[in-house]
């Protein structure tokens, strides 16, 4: 299992955010919103920013579940509970 974050902020801003929050996983920079559009976090590349979502991707690279409308503090526990439940 791997955890990867993605934000439309710059690499510099993401690096600082990851360091400030002591992330132990990579936080990728998607400034052109290509990843955000592909996962439905932004309507198109002209969006001012991406919506906060999480995607649970299975061992075959398929999206098992998309999480929307979760509070940031709830994301980790919710996703980890689903991983443990489904053993993805």
Protein backbone atom coordinates (compact mmCIF):
# COMPACT_ATOMS: atom_id res chain seq x y z
CA UNK A 1 0.00 0.00 0.00
CA UNK A 2 1.22 3.49 -0.78
CA UNK A 3 -0.12 6.91 0.17
CA UNK A 4 0.43 9.83 -2.17
CA UNK A 5 -1.02 13.31 -1.91
CA UNK A 6 -1.63 15.68 -4.80
CA UNK A 7 -2.32 19.40 -4.72
CA UNK A 8 -2.56 22.12 -7.32
CA UNK A 9 -0.18 24.26 -5.28
CA UNK A 10 3.40 24.77 -6.43
CA UNK A 11 6.16 22.28 -5.60
CA UNK A 12 7.65 24.79 -3.16
CA UNK A 13 4.32 25.37 -1.37
CA UNK A 14 3.65 21.61 -1.23
CA UNK A 15 7.10 20.87 0.16
CA UNK A 16 6.59 23.44 2.93
CA UNK A 17 3.06 22.16 3.66
CA UNK A 18 4.29 18.55 3.82
CA UNK A 19 7.17 19.50 6.10
CA UNK A 20 4.98 21.66 8.36
CA UNK A 21 2.48 18.79 8.69
CA UNK A 22 5.16 16.09 9.01
CA UNK A 23 3.81 14.03 6.11
CA UNK A 24 5.63 10.74 5.65
CA UNK A 25 4.35 10.39 2.08
CA UNK A 26 4.97 12.34 -1.12
CA UNK A 27 2.81 15.37 -1.93
CA UNK A 28 2.75 15.87 -5.68
CA UNK A 29 2.20 19.18 -7.46
CA UNK A 30 -0.56 19.35 -10.11
CA UNK A 31 -0.39 23.01 -11.11
CA UNK A 32 -1.99 22.38 -14.52
CA UNK A 33 -4.88 20.43 -12.88
CA UNK A 34 -4.48 17.42 -15.19
CA UNK A 35 -4.68 14.97 -12.29
CA UNK A 36 -7.51 16.94 -10.66
CA UNK A 37 -9.56 16.84 -13.88
CA UNK A 38 -8.85 13.13 -14.40
CA UNK A 39 -10.11 12.29 -10.89
CA UNK A 40 -13.05 14.68 -10.94
CA UNK A 41 -11.61 17.13 -8.42
CA UNK A 42 -11.86 19.95 -10.97
CA UNK A 43 -14.28 20.52 -13.84
CA UNK A 44 -11.51 21.63 -16.19
CA UNK A 45 -8.02 23.11 -16.22
CA UNK A 46 -9.40 26.67 -15.89
CA UNK A 47 -10.80 25.97 -12.40
CA UNK A 48 -9.27 28.22 -9.74
CA UNK A 49 -8.34 25.21 -7.64
CA UNK A 50 -9.15 21.55 -7.15
CA UNK A 51 -11.75 20.28 -4.70
CA UNK A 52 -10.49 18.17 -1.83
CA UNK A 53 -11.14 14.51 -2.59
CA UNK A 54 -9.42 11.23 -1.92
CA UNK A 55 -9.22 8.19 -4.17
CA UNK A 56 -8.66 4.66 -2.95
CA UNK A 57 -6.88 2.77 -5.73
CA UNK A 58 -6.65 -1.01 -5.60
CA UNK A 59 -3.63 -3.22 -6.30
CA UNK A 60 -4.60 -3.37 -9.99
CA UNK A 61 -4.57 0.41 -10.38
CA UNK A 62 -8.37 0.71 -10.50
CA UNK A 63 -10.27 3.26 -8.47
CA UNK A 64 -12.04 1.37 -5.69
CA UNK A 65 -13.69 4.40 -4.10
CA UNK A 66 -13.76 8.19 -4.35
CA UNK A 67 -14.25 10.22 -1.19
CA UNK A 68 -15.92 13.64 -1.46
CA UNK A 69 -17.20 16.07 1.13
CA UNK A 70 -15.10 14.75 4.00
CA UNK A 71 -13.56 17.08 6.53
CA UNK A 72 -9.75 17.08 6.21
CA UNK A 73 -9.39 15.69 9.74
CA UNK A 74 -11.66 12.75 8.83
CA UNK A 75 -9.90 11.70 5.62
CA UNK A 76 -7.16 9.51 7.12
CA UNK A 77 -9.36 7.53 9.51
CA UNK A 78 -12.12 7.01 6.94
CA UNK A 79 -9.80 5.84 4.18
CA UNK A 80 -7.74 3.61 6.48
CA UNK A 81 -10.91 1.99 7.84
CA UNK A 82 -11.97 1.14 4.28
CA UNK A 83 -8.54 -0.25 3.46
CA UNK A 84 -8.63 -2.50 6.50
CA UNK A 85 -12.23 -3.54 5.81
CA UNK A 86 -11.65 -4.36 2.14
CA UNK A 87 -8.00 -5.38 2.51
CA UNK A 88 -7.01 -3.37 -0.58
